[in-house]
Amino acid sequence: MICLLAASVVVPLGVPAITLRWTHSVEKVVWEEDWADTPAGLTMTASRVRGSGAGMDPAPDARWVDGAWTWFPHVAPLPEVVLRRSGATADWSVCLRGACKPMSDYVGPEVDPVRLAPCADGPRGEADAPPGPRSG
């Protein structure tokens, strides 16, 4: 299961996979990454970008699918992903089972950075707990 960690708040998202969505600060184009909790760590399973330019070119093997360049990155699993929030752009969106909400709905607007990580208190890849903040 994946959690958001922000300051002393731990938010179990209740799912083993999520999509992170944001708008590029210069190009104003939507970028998405799919992440899954695996036994090896957080694994990026797909990337999508709805345009290109300013350091956000799609991978050479990307294909145009449903209005976005889509590819499947070959990146080693990570123990966590650090998400910075500058305030200069719109907040990250966290998408669970196709429904997206701003990250501020989970951890508040002022916290920076926010970490995406496997939850420490449960088996990986399970989705039993409902989303919601708790102190940690």
N, C-alpha and C. Protein backbone atom coordinates (compact mmCIF):
# COMPACT_ATOMS: atom_id res chain seq x y z
N MET A 1 0.84 -1.17 0.00
CA MET A 1 0.00 0.00 0.00
C MET A 1 0.90 1.24 0.00
N ILE A 2 0.43 2.29 -0.65
CA ILE A 2 1.20 3.52 -0.79
C ILE A 2 0.70 4.56 0.20
N CYS A 3 1.66 5.30 0.78
CA CYS A 3 1.35 6.37 1.72
C CYS A 3 1.96 7.69 1.24
N LEU A 4 1.34 8.79 1.65
CA LEU A 4 1.94 10.12 1.55
C LEU A 4 2.48 10.45 2.94
N LEU A 5 3.71 10.95 3.01
CA LEU A 5 4.32 11.33 4.27
C LEU A 5 4.67 12.81 4.20
N ALA A 6 4.11 13.58 5.12
CA ALA A 6 4.32 15.02 5.12
C ALA A 6 4.47 15.49 6.55
N ALA A 7 5.65 15.98 6.89
CA ALA A 7 5.96 16.38 8.26
C ALA A 7 5.66 15.20 9.17
N SER A 8 4.76 15.34 10.12
CA SER A 8 4.44 14.24 11.03
C SER A 8 3.16 13.51 10.64
N VAL A 9 2.64 13.80 9.47
CA VAL A 9 1.39 13.19 9.01
C VAL A 9 1.69 12.05 8.05
N VAL A 10 1.03 10.92 8.27
CA VAL A 10 1.11 9.77 7.38
C VAL A 10 -0.29 9.55 6.83
N VAL A 11 -0.43 9.55 5.50
CA VAL A 11 -1.72 9.35 4.87
C VAL A 11 -1.68 8.06 4.06
N PRO A 12 -2.27 6.98 4.58
CA PRO A 12 -2.34 5.76 3.78
C PRO A 12 -3.39 5.96 2.68
N LEU A 13 -3.00 5.75 1.44
CA LEU A 13 -3.91 5.98 0.32
C LEU A 13 -4.83 4.80 0.06
N GLY A 14 -4.54 3.65 0.65
CA GLY A 14 -5.43 2.51 0.54
C GLY A 14 -5.37 1.77 -0.77
N VAL A 15 -4.34 2.04 -1.57
CA VAL A 15 -4.21 1.38 -2.87
C VAL A 15 -2.75 1.01 -3.11
N PRO A 16 -2.50 -0.01 -3.94
CA PRO A 16 -1.14 -0.40 -4.25
C PRO A 16 -0.55 0.34 -5.45
N ALA A 17 -1.36 1.18 -6.14
CA ALA A 17 -0.87 1.91 -7.31
C ALA A 17 -1.61 3.24 -7.41
N ILE A 18 -0.87 4.29 -7.84
CA ILE A 18 -1.46 5.61 -8.01
C ILE A 18 -0.92 6.26 -9.27
N THR A 19 -1.57 7.35 -9.66
CA THR A 19 -1.05 8.22 -10.72
C THR A 19 -0.78 9.58 -10.10
N LEU A 20 0.41 10.11 -10.35
CA LEU A 20 0.73 11.49 -10.00
C LEU A 20 0.55 12.33 -11.25
N ARG A 21 -0.11 13.48 -11.11
CA ARG A 21 -0.36 14.36 -12.26
C ARG A 21 0.05 15.77 -11.87
N TRP A 22 0.69 16.47 -12.78
CA TRP A 22 1.03 17.87 -12.55
C TRP A 22 1.10 18.60 -13.88
N THR A 23 1.12 19.93 -13.81
CA THR A 23 1.24 20.77 -14.99
C THR A 23 2.64 21.37 -15.01
N HIS A 24 3.33 21.20 -16.13
CA HIS A 24 4.69 21.71 -16.29
C HIS A 24 4.69 23.23 -16.12
N SER A 25 5.65 23.73 -15.35
CA SER A 25 5.66 25.16 -14.99
C SER A 25 5.90 26.09 -16.18
N VAL A 26 6.62 25.65 -17.20
CA VAL A 26 6.91 26.50 -18.35
C VAL A 26 5.94 26.23 -19.49
N GLU A 27 5.80 24.98 -19.86
CA GLU A 27 5.00 24.62 -21.03
C GLU A 27 3.50 24.54 -20.76
N LYS A 28 3.11 24.49 -19.47
CA LYS A 28 1.69 24.40 -19.08
C LYS A 28 1.02 23.18 -19.71
N VAL A 29 1.74 22.07 -19.72
CA VAL A 29 1.28 20.81 -20.29
C VAL A 29 1.20 19.78 -19.17
N VAL A 30 0.19 18.93 -19.22
CA VAL A 30 -0.01 17.92 -18.17
C VAL A 30 0.94 16.75 -18.37
N TRP A 31 1.54 16.34 -17.26
CA TRP A 31 2.44 15.19 -17.20
C TRP A 31 1.86 14.24 -16.17
N GLU A 32 1.93 12.93 -16.42
CA GLU A 32 1.46 11.92 -15.48
C GLU A 32 2.48 10.80 -15.36
N GLU A 33 2.57 10.27 -14.14
CA GLU A 33 3.38 9.08 -13.89
C GLU A 33 2.56 8.11 -13.07
N ASP A 34 2.58 6.84 -13.46
CA ASP A 34 1.93 5.79 -12.70
C ASP A 34 2.98 5.11 -11.83
N TRP A 35 2.66 4.94 -10.53
CA TRP A 35 3.56 4.33 -9.57
C TRP A 35 2.87 3.16 -8.89
N ALA A 36 3.62 2.08 -8.67
CA ALA A 36 3.07 0.90 -7.99
C ALA A 36 4.01 0.50 -6.85
N ASP A 37 3.41 0.04 -5.77
CA ASP A 37 4.16 -0.51 -4.64
C ASP A 37 4.46 -1.97 -4.96
N THR A 38 5.73 -2.31 -5.09
CA THR A 38 6.14 -3.67 -5.40
C THR A 38 7.08 -4.16 -4.31
N PRO A 39 7.36 -5.44 -4.23
CA PRO A 39 8.31 -5.93 -3.23
C PRO A 39 9.68 -5.27 -3.32
N ALA A 40 10.07 -4.78 -4.51
CA ALA A 40 11.37 -4.12 -4.68
C ALA A 40 11.34 -2.64 -4.31
N GLY A 41 10.15 -2.05 -4.13
CA GLY A 41 10.01 -0.63 -3.83
C GLY A 41 9.01 0.01 -4.77
N LEU A 42 8.97 1.34 -4.77
CA LEU A 42 8.06 2.04 -5.68
C LEU A 42 8.59 1.93 -7.11
N THR A 43 7.73 1.50 -8.01
CA THR A 43 8.12 1.29 -9.39
C THR A 43 7.26 2.15 -10.30
N MET A 44 7.92 2.94 -11.17
CA MET A 44 7.19 3.73 -12.15
C MET A 44 6.79 2.79 -13.28
N THR A 45 5.48 2.65 -13.52
CA THR A 45 5.01 1.69 -14.50
C THR A 45 4.64 2.32 -15.83
N ALA A 46 4.38 3.63 -15.87
CA ALA A 46 4.08 4.32 -17.13
C ALA A 46 4.24 5.82 -16.93
N SER A 47 4.53 6.51 -18.03
CA SER A 47 4.59 7.97 -18.06
C SER A 47 3.80 8.46 -19.25
N ARG A 48 3.17 9.61 -19.07
CA ARG A 48 2.41 10.23 -20.15
C ARG A 48 2.64 11.73 -20.12
N VAL A 49 2.79 12.34 -21.28
CA VAL A 49 2.89 13.79 -21.38
C VAL A 49 2.04 14.23 -22.56
N ARG A 50 1.31 15.31 -22.39
CA ARG A 50 0.36 15.78 -23.40
C ARG A 50 0.97 16.86 -24.29
N GLY A 51 2.27 16.81 -24.49
CA GLY A 51 2.98 17.75 -25.35
C GLY A 51 4.47 17.53 -25.15
N SER A 52 5.29 18.47 -25.62
CA SER A 52 6.72 18.35 -25.41
C SER A 52 7.34 19.74 -25.39
N GLY A 53 8.62 19.79 -25.01
CA GLY A 53 9.35 21.05 -24.97
C GLY A 53 9.88 21.32 -23.58
N ALA A 54 10.83 22.24 -23.48
CA ALA A 54 11.41 22.71 -22.22
C ALA A 54 11.78 21.58 -21.28
N GLY A 55 12.53 20.60 -21.78
CA GLY A 55 13.03 19.53 -20.92
C GLY A 55 12.02 18.45 -20.59
N MET A 56 10.94 18.37 -21.34
CA MET A 56 9.92 17.37 -21.05
C MET A 56 9.57 16.55 -22.28
N ASP A 57 10.57 16.24 -23.06
CA ASP A 57 10.34 15.44 -24.25
C ASP A 57 9.99 14.01 -23.88
N PRO A 58 9.09 13.40 -24.64
CA PRO A 58 8.76 11.99 -24.39
C PRO A 58 9.96 11.10 -24.72
N ALA A 59 9.95 9.92 -24.15
CA ALA A 59 11.02 8.96 -24.40
C ALA A 59 11.02 8.56 -25.87
N PRO A 60 12.17 8.10 -26.38
CA PRO A 60 12.24 7.71 -27.80
C PRO A 60 11.24 6.62 -28.19
N ASP A 61 10.86 5.76 -27.23
CA ASP A 61 9.93 4.67 -27.56
C ASP A 61 8.46 5.05 -27.26
N ALA A 62 8.19 6.32 -26.98
CA ALA A 62 6.82 6.76 -26.67
C ALA A 62 5.91 6.63 -27.89
N ARG A 63 4.66 6.34 -27.60
CA ARG A 63 3.62 6.24 -28.64
C ARG A 63 2.49 7.18 -28.27
N TRP A 64 1.85 7.79 -29.28
CA TRP A 64 0.73 8.69 -29.08
C TRP A 64 -0.52 7.85 -28.80
N VAL A 65 -1.05 7.92 -27.58
CA VAL A 65 -2.21 7.12 -27.17
C VAL A 65 -3.18 8.03 -26.42
N ASP A 66 -4.40 8.12 -26.88
CA ASP A 66 -5.45 8.88 -26.20
C ASP A 66 -5.03 10.30 -25.84
N GLY A 67 -4.39 11.00 -26.76
CA GLY A 67 -4.04 12.40 -26.55
C GLY A 67 -2.78 12.66 -25.77
N ALA A 68 -1.94 11.63 -25.57
CA ALA A 68 -0.70 11.83 -24.81
C ALA A 68 0.39 10.92 -25.35
N TRP A 69 1.64 11.41 -25.26
CA TRP A 69 2.77 10.53 -25.50
C TRP A 69 2.89 9.61 -24.31
N THR A 70 2.90 8.31 -24.56
CA THR A 70 2.90 7.31 -23.49
C THR A 70 4.09 6.37 -23.67
N TRP A 71 4.76 6.08 -22.56
CA TRP A 71 5.86 5.12 -22.60
C TRP A 71 5.98 4.42 -21.25
N PHE A 72 6.78 3.38 -21.25
CA PHE A 72 6.95 2.54 -20.06
C PHE A 72 8.41 2.62 -19.64
N PRO A 73 8.72 3.48 -18.66
CA PRO A 73 10.10 3.73 -18.25
C PRO A 73 10.78 2.48 -17.68
N HIS A 74 12.05 2.42 -17.88
CA HIS A 74 12.86 1.35 -17.29
C HIS A 74 13.72 1.99 -16.22
N VAL A 75 13.10 2.26 -15.08
CA VAL A 75 13.76 2.92 -13.96
C VAL A 75 13.76 1.95 -12.79
N ALA A 76 14.87 1.87 -12.09
CA ALA A 76 14.96 0.97 -10.93
C ALA A 76 13.95 1.40 -9.86
N PRO A 77 13.38 0.44 -9.15
CA PRO A 77 12.46 0.76 -8.05
C PRO A 77 13.15 1.66 -7.02
N LEU A 78 12.36 2.52 -6.39
CA LEU A 78 12.86 3.47 -5.41
C LEU A 78 12.24 3.23 -4.03
N PRO A 79 12.96 3.54 -2.95
CA PRO A 79 12.36 3.40 -1.63
C PRO A 79 11.32 4.47 -1.35
N GLU A 80 11.44 5.64 -2.02
CA GLU A 80 10.48 6.72 -1.88
C GLU A 80 10.67 7.69 -3.03
N VAL A 81 9.66 8.54 -3.23
CA VAL A 81 9.73 9.60 -4.23
C VAL A 81 9.45 10.91 -3.49
N VAL A 82 10.34 11.88 -3.62
CA VAL A 82 10.18 13.17 -2.95
C VAL A 82 9.50 14.12 -3.92
N LEU A 83 8.37 14.68 -3.48
CA LEU A 83 7.57 15.59 -4.30
C LEU A 83 7.70 17.00 -3.73
N ARG A 84 8.29 17.90 -4.47
CA ARG A 84 8.46 19.29 -4.02
C ARG A 84 7.27 20.11 -4.47
N ARG A 85 6.91 21.09 -3.68
CA ARG A 85 5.77 21.97 -3.96
C ARG A 85 6.26 23.41 -3.87
N SER A 86 6.45 24.04 -5.01
CA SER A 86 7.04 25.38 -5.03
C SER A 86 6.02 26.48 -4.75
N GLY A 87 4.75 26.23 -5.00
CA GLY A 87 3.76 27.28 -4.90
C GLY A 87 3.69 28.12 -6.17
N ALA A 88 4.66 27.96 -7.07
CA ALA A 88 4.67 28.72 -8.33
C ALA A 88 3.78 28.07 -9.39
N THR A 89 3.37 26.84 -9.14
CA THR A 89 2.51 26.13 -10.08
C THR A 89 1.36 25.49 -9.31
N ALA A 90 0.43 24.95 -10.05
CA ALA A 90 -0.68 24.23 -9.41
C ALA A 90 -0.13 23.03 -8.64
N ASP A 91 -0.85 22.62 -7.63
CA ASP A 91 -0.43 21.50 -6.78
C ASP A 91 -0.43 20.20 -7.58
N TRP A 92 0.31 19.21 -7.07
CA TRP A 92 0.25 17.86 -7.60
C TRP A 92 -1.18 17.36 -7.49
N SER A 93 -1.59 16.50 -8.39
CA SER A 93 -2.84 15.76 -8.24
C SER A 93 -2.48 14.31 -7.95
N VAL A 94 -3.22 13.71 -7.04
CA VAL A 94 -3.05 12.31 -6.70
C VAL A 94 -4.29 11.59 -7.21
N CYS A 95 -4.09 10.63 -8.09
CA CYS A 95 -5.21 9.92 -8.72
C CYS A 95 -5.25 8.49 -8.20
N LEU A 96 -6.40 8.13 -7.63
CA LEU A 96 -6.63 6.79 -7.09
C LEU A 96 -7.80 6.18 -7.84
N ARG A 97 -7.55 5.07 -8.49
CA ARG A 97 -8.60 4.37 -9.24
C ARG A 97 -9.32 5.31 -10.21
N GLY A 98 -8.56 6.22 -10.84
CA GLY A 98 -9.11 7.11 -11.85
C GLY A 98 -9.70 8.41 -11.33
N ALA A 99 -9.84 8.58 -10.03
CA ALA A 99 -10.36 9.83 -9.45
C ALA A 99 -9.19 10.64 -8.90
N CYS A 100 -9.08 11.90 -9.33
CA CYS A 100 -7.95 12.75 -8.95
C CYS A 100 -8.38 13.85 -7.99
N LYS A 101 -7.48 14.12 -7.00
CA LYS A 101 -7.68 15.21 -6.05
C LYS A 101 -6.35 15.92 -5.85
N PRO A 102 -6.38 17.21 -5.54
CA PRO A 102 -5.12 17.90 -5.24
C PRO A 102 -4.45 17.31 -4.01
N MET A 103 -3.13 17.30 -4.01
CA MET A 103 -2.40 16.78 -2.88
C MET A 103 -2.77 17.52 -1.59
N SER A 104 -3.11 18.79 -1.70
CA SER A 104 -3.48 19.57 -0.51
C SER A 104 -4.70 18.99 0.19
N ASP A 105 -5.55 18.27 -0.53
CA ASP A 105 -6.70 17.62 0.10
C ASP A 105 -6.25 16.52 1.08
N TYR A 106 -5.06 15.99 0.87
CA TYR A 106 -4.53 14.92 1.72
C TYR A 106 -3.64 15.45 2.85
N VAL A 107 -2.77 16.43 2.53
CA VAL A 107 -1.76 16.84 3.51
C VAL A 107 -1.77 18.32 3.83
N GLY A 108 -2.69 19.07 3.25
CA GLY A 108 -2.72 20.52 3.46
C GLY A 108 -1.86 21.23 2.42
N PRO A 109 -2.05 22.54 2.31
CA PRO A 109 -1.37 23.28 1.24
C PRO A 109 0.06 23.71 1.52
N GLU A 110 0.48 23.77 2.77
CA GLU A 110 1.75 24.38 3.11
C GLU A 110 2.92 23.41 3.26
N VAL A 111 2.67 22.13 3.31
CA VAL A 111 3.73 21.16 3.61
C VAL A 111 4.61 20.93 2.38
N ASP A 112 5.92 21.00 2.58
CA ASP A 112 6.88 20.73 1.52
C ASP A 112 8.17 20.26 2.18
N PRO A 113 8.77 19.19 1.73
CA PRO A 113 8.29 18.29 0.68
C PRO A 113 7.28 17.28 1.21
N VAL A 114 6.68 16.57 0.26
CA VAL A 114 5.82 15.43 0.56
C VAL A 114 6.51 14.21 -0.05
N ARG A 115 6.52 13.12 0.70
CA ARG A 115 7.14 11.89 0.19
C ARG A 115 6.07 10.87 -0.14
N LEU A 116 6.26 10.19 -1.23
CA LEU A 116 5.45 9.06 -1.63
C LEU A 116 6.27 7.83 -1.28
N ALA A 117 5.70 6.90 -0.49
CA ALA A 117 6.48 5.75 -0.04
C ALA A 117 5.55 4.59 0.27
N PRO A 118 6.09 3.37 0.27
CA PRO A 118 5.29 2.25 0.75
C PRO A 118 4.95 2.49 2.22
N CYS A 119 3.74 2.16 2.62
CA CYS A 119 3.35 2.29 4.02
C CYS A 119 4.16 1.31 4.84
N ALA A 120 4.60 1.74 6.01
CA ALA A 120 5.45 0.93 6.85
C ALA A 120 4.70 -0.14 7.63
N ASP A 121 3.39 0.01 7.75
CA ASP A 121 2.63 -0.88 8.64
C ASP A 121 1.67 -1.79 7.89
N GLY A 122 2.18 -2.55 6.98
CA GLY A 122 1.29 -3.48 6.31
C GLY A 122 1.97 -4.13 5.13
N PRO A 123 1.37 -5.21 4.65
CA PRO A 123 1.96 -5.90 3.51
C PRO A 123 1.88 -5.05 2.26
N ARG A 124 2.87 -5.15 1.44
CA ARG A 124 2.91 -4.41 0.18
C ARG A 124 1.91 -4.99 -0.80
N GLY A 125 1.36 -4.09 -1.62
CA GLY A 125 0.48 -4.52 -2.68
C GLY A 125 -0.93 -4.81 -2.23
N GLU A 126 -1.31 -4.47 -1.00
CA GLU A 126 -2.67 -4.69 -0.55
C GLU A 126 -3.38 -3.36 -0.41
N ALA A 127 -4.68 -3.39 -0.55
CA ALA A 127 -5.47 -2.16 -0.54
C ALA A 127 -6.64 -2.28 0.41
N ASP A 128 -6.37 -2.52 1.68
CA ASP A 128 -7.44 -2.75 2.64
C ASP A 128 -7.86 -1.51 3.42
N ALA A 129 -6.92 -0.60 3.70
CA ALA A 129 -7.23 0.53 4.56
C ALA A 129 -7.84 1.68 3.77
N PRO A 130 -8.84 2.36 4.30
CA PRO A 130 -9.39 3.51 3.61
C PRO A 130 -8.43 4.69 3.69
N PRO A 131 -8.44 5.60 2.68
CA PRO A 131 -7.55 6.74 2.75
C PRO A 131 -7.98 7.70 3.84
N GLY A 132 -6.99 8.37 4.43
CA GLY A 132 -7.26 9.37 5.45
C GLY A 132 -6.02 9.61 6.27
N PRO A 133 -5.83 10.83 6.79
CA PRO A 133 -4.62 11.14 7.53
C PRO A 133 -4.62 10.53 8.93
N ARG A 134 -3.42 10.32 9.42
CA ARG A 134 -3.25 9.91 10.81
C ARG A 134 -1.89 10.43 11.26
N SER A 135 -1.71 10.65 12.51
CA SER A 135 -0.42 11.14 13.02
C SER A 135 0.56 10.00 13.02
N GLY A 136 1.83 10.32 12.84
CA GLY A 136 2.80 9.25 12.83
C GLY A 136 4.10 9.65 13.27
